[in-house]
Amino acid sequence: MHMKTPFRLDDHPRRPQPPLASPPAGYFDQLPRQIMARVQPEAAHESVTWGWLATLSRPLRTALASVVVLGGFSTAFYLSQPATQTPNLPPATALAAVPEAALIDYLAVNNQLETEDLASLPLPDDNLMAYFLQASPQELEAALGPAPLDEAYY
């Protein structure tokens, strides 16, 4: 194993450097002024139109910003509404304006009655079935059988 020899900086002489020129007289006195003259911030040219906004207080600017945002949302909502609005017509007039084909299509798709719906419908006062069948009550009872006693259909 090799042991590394210790390195001491004092044992090594420094190389001679060429002498530097001395700074001109008063160089360091004038240096800050020269630097500041070169690094001047650009003159802040504020917009004449928005200059009044900088003079407002911070809460007032926040309130103004919220009013502008709310106004933008309400304008967008107002402009997104359909242009033609139907006037409020009575139901009979509005139903008469709907085409008959559209009504038939709607009823064909959505006409699903339950027995509960039929049970709650009021029966007409006059007996229309007797008018159409032209049969006596005895003939109807013989054809249909006795009426069920339980109310399972309701």
Protein backbone atom coordinates (compact mmCIF):
# COMPACT_ATOMS: atom_id res chain seq x y z
CA MET A 1 0.00 0.00 0.00
CA HIS A 2 1.12 3.37 -0.83
CA MET A 3 0.69 6.12 1.61
CA LYS A 4 0.03 9.47 0.14
CA THR A 5 2.57 12.05 0.98
CA PRO A 6 1.15 14.98 2.84
CA PHE A 7 0.72 18.13 0.78
CA ARG A 8 1.67 21.36 2.42
CA LEU A 9 1.03 24.66 0.71
CA ASP A 10 3.90 26.33 2.48
CA ASP A 11 6.37 23.97 0.82
CA HIS A 12 5.45 25.21 -2.68
CA PRO A 13 6.55 28.72 -3.63
CA ARG A 14 4.07 30.97 -5.41
CA ARG A 15 4.63 31.78 -9.05
CA PRO A 16 5.37 35.38 -9.74
CA GLN A 17 2.50 37.28 -11.39
CA PRO A 18 3.02 40.17 -13.76
CA PRO A 19 2.35 43.47 -11.96
CA LEU A 20 -1.04 44.97 -12.65
CA ALA A 21 -1.47 48.55 -13.65
CA SER A 22 -2.80 50.75 -10.89
CA PRO A 23 -6.24 52.30 -11.44
CA PRO A 24 -6.45 55.92 -12.56
CA ALA A 25 -6.72 58.59 -9.91
CA GLY A 26 -10.25 58.93 -8.46
CA TYR A 27 -11.50 55.85 -10.33
CA PHE A 28 -13.30 54.30 -7.38
CA ASP A 29 -14.82 57.67 -6.43
CA GLN A 30 -16.41 58.09 -9.86
CA LEU A 31 -17.37 54.43 -10.39
CA PRO A 32 -20.77 54.49 -8.58
CA ARG A 33 -21.92 57.59 -10.50
CA GLN A 34 -20.88 56.05 -13.82
CA ILE A 35 -22.75 52.82 -13.05
CA MET A 36 -25.89 54.67 -11.94
CA ALA A 37 -25.81 56.80 -15.10
CA ARG A 38 -25.76 53.68 -17.27
CA VAL A 39 -28.40 51.77 -15.31
CA GLN A 40 -31.15 54.38 -15.16
CA PRO A 41 -34.63 52.89 -14.83
CA GLU A 42 -36.80 53.72 -17.80
CA ALA A 43 -39.16 56.55 -17.18
CA ALA A 44 -42.50 55.07 -16.19
CA HIS A 45 -44.87 56.24 -18.91
CA GLU A 46 -48.25 55.46 -17.47
CA SER A 47 -51.19 55.08 -19.74
CA VAL A 48 -53.41 58.10 -19.61
CA THR A 49 -56.49 55.92 -19.92
CA TRP A 50 -55.73 53.64 -16.95
CA GLY A 51 -53.92 56.17 -14.77
CA TRP A 52 -57.01 56.84 -12.69
CA LEU A 53 -57.09 53.17 -11.68
CA ALA A 54 -53.78 53.45 -9.81
CA THR A 55 -55.13 56.32 -7.72
CA LEU A 56 -58.00 54.21 -6.32
CA SER A 57 -57.60 52.44 -2.99
CA ARG A 58 -57.04 48.70 -2.94
CA PRO A 59 -60.55 47.75 -1.61
CA LEU A 60 -62.16 50.01 -4.20
CA ARG A 61 -60.13 48.39 -6.99
CA THR A 62 -61.19 44.95 -5.72
CA ALA A 63 -64.84 45.99 -5.67
CA LEU A 64 -64.52 47.43 -9.18
CA ALA A 65 -62.94 44.21 -10.43
CA SER A 66 -65.75 42.10 -8.95
CA VAL A 67 -68.39 44.37 -10.53
CA VAL A 68 -66.67 44.03 -13.92
CA VAL A 69 -66.52 40.22 -13.62
CA LEU A 70 -70.18 40.02 -12.51
CA GLY A 71 -71.18 42.30 -15.37
CA GLY A 72 -69.32 40.08 -17.81
CA PHE A 73 -71.08 36.95 -16.56
CA SER A 74 -74.52 38.57 -16.63
CA THR A 75 -73.90 39.94 -20.14
CA ALA A 76 -72.81 36.51 -21.34
CA PHE A 77 -75.91 34.95 -19.77
CA TYR A 78 -78.20 37.58 -21.30
CA LEU A 79 -76.68 37.19 -24.76
CA SER A 80 -76.86 33.38 -24.63
CA GLN A 81 -80.65 33.39 -24.22
CA PRO A 82 -82.70 32.52 -27.33
CA ALA A 83 -83.69 35.55 -29.36
CA THR A 84 -87.35 34.65 -29.86
CA GLN A 85 -89.39 34.03 -26.76
CA THR A 86 -92.89 32.63 -27.07
CA PRO A 87 -95.51 34.74 -25.35
CA ASN A 88 -97.50 33.23 -22.50
CA LEU A 89 -100.54 31.80 -24.24
CA PRO A 90 -103.44 29.98 -22.64
CA PRO A 91 -102.89 26.21 -22.61
CA ALA A 92 -105.64 25.54 -25.15
CA THR A 93 -104.13 28.01 -27.65
CA ALA A 94 -100.62 26.68 -27.09
CA LEU A 95 -101.81 23.09 -27.59
CA ALA A 96 -103.66 24.04 -30.77
CA ALA A 97 -100.38 25.44 -32.16
CA VAL A 98 -98.63 22.06 -31.80
CA PRO A 99 -98.77 19.96 -35.01
CA GLU A 100 -100.91 16.84 -34.79
CA ALA A 101 -98.07 14.58 -35.98
CA ALA A 102 -95.90 15.79 -33.10
CA LEU A 103 -98.69 15.04 -30.61
CA ILE A 104 -99.17 11.53 -31.98
CA ASP A 105 -95.41 10.87 -31.82
CA TYR A 106 -95.28 12.15 -28.24
CA LEU A 107 -98.21 10.01 -27.12
CA ALA A 108 -96.82 6.93 -28.88
CA VAL A 109 -93.57 7.23 -26.95
CA ASN A 110 -94.87 8.42 -23.57
CA ASN A 111 -98.28 6.76 -23.24
CA GLN A 112 -97.72 4.23 -20.46
CA LEU A 113 -100.73 3.82 -18.25
CA GLU A 114 -100.80 1.71 -15.12
CA THR A 115 -103.87 0.08 -13.67
CA GLU A 116 -103.68 2.60 -10.83
CA ASP A 117 -104.03 5.39 -13.36
CA LEU A 118 -107.13 3.77 -14.83
CA ALA A 119 -108.64 3.14 -11.41
CA SER A 120 -108.40 6.81 -10.50
CA LEU A 121 -110.16 8.04 -13.65
CA PRO A 122 -113.75 9.10 -13.05
CA LEU A 123 -116.32 7.04 -14.89
CA PRO A 124 -118.76 8.82 -17.18
CA ASP A 125 -122.24 9.35 -15.81
CA ASP A 126 -124.06 7.78 -18.68
CA ASN A 127 -123.56 4.12 -19.50
CA LEU A 128 -121.84 4.26 -22.92
CA MET A 129 -121.09 0.54 -22.94
CA ALA A 130 -124.76 -0.34 -23.03
CA TYR A 131 -125.23 2.06 -25.92
CA PHE A 132 -122.48 0.44 -28.03
CA LEU A 133 -123.15 -3.18 -27.13
CA GLN A 134 -126.91 -3.12 -27.52
CA ALA A 135 -127.22 -5.93 -24.96
CA SER A 136 -129.37 -6.46 -21.94
CA PRO A 137 -127.78 -6.70 -18.50
CA GLN A 138 -128.65 -10.43 -18.34
CA GLU A 139 -126.83 -11.09 -21.64
CA LEU A 140 -123.77 -9.16 -20.42
CA GLU A 141 -123.67 -11.11 -17.16
CA ALA A 142 -123.95 -14.39 -19.02
CA ALA A 143 -121.13 -13.42 -21.42
CA LEU A 144 -118.78 -11.94 -18.84
CA GLY A 145 -119.51 -14.11 -15.87
CA PRO A 146 -120.11 -12.95 -12.33
CA ALA A 147 -118.26 -9.82 -11.17
CA PRO A 148 -115.19 -10.55 -9.00
CA LEU A 149 -115.67 -9.78 -5.35
CA ASP A 150 -112.08 -8.92 -4.50
CA GLU A 151 -110.61 -5.59 -5.47
CA ALA A 152 -107.28 -6.94 -6.70
CA TYR A 153 -107.38 -4.74 -9.80
CA TYR A 154 -107.36 -1.55 -7.79
